[in-house]
Amino acid sequence: MTQPGMRITIDAAMRARDVSRPYPEGEERPPEPPPPAPRRKSARAERRRQSKRK
């Protein structure tokens, strides 16, 4: 059972994991993740918007 005030956020977990630690010599760093795709309106919202234009 956890205490209600003891939640771990993603930021805290990443700091605890220390993802910025240096890599041993000769080991390559993993490639940077691609940027997130641009957000689009949902298909339903777009159909609704188009139907109002008619």
Foldseek 3Di string as FASTA:
>chain_A
DDDPVDDADPVNVCVVVVPPDDDPPPDDDDDDDDDDDDDDDDPVVVVVVVVVVD
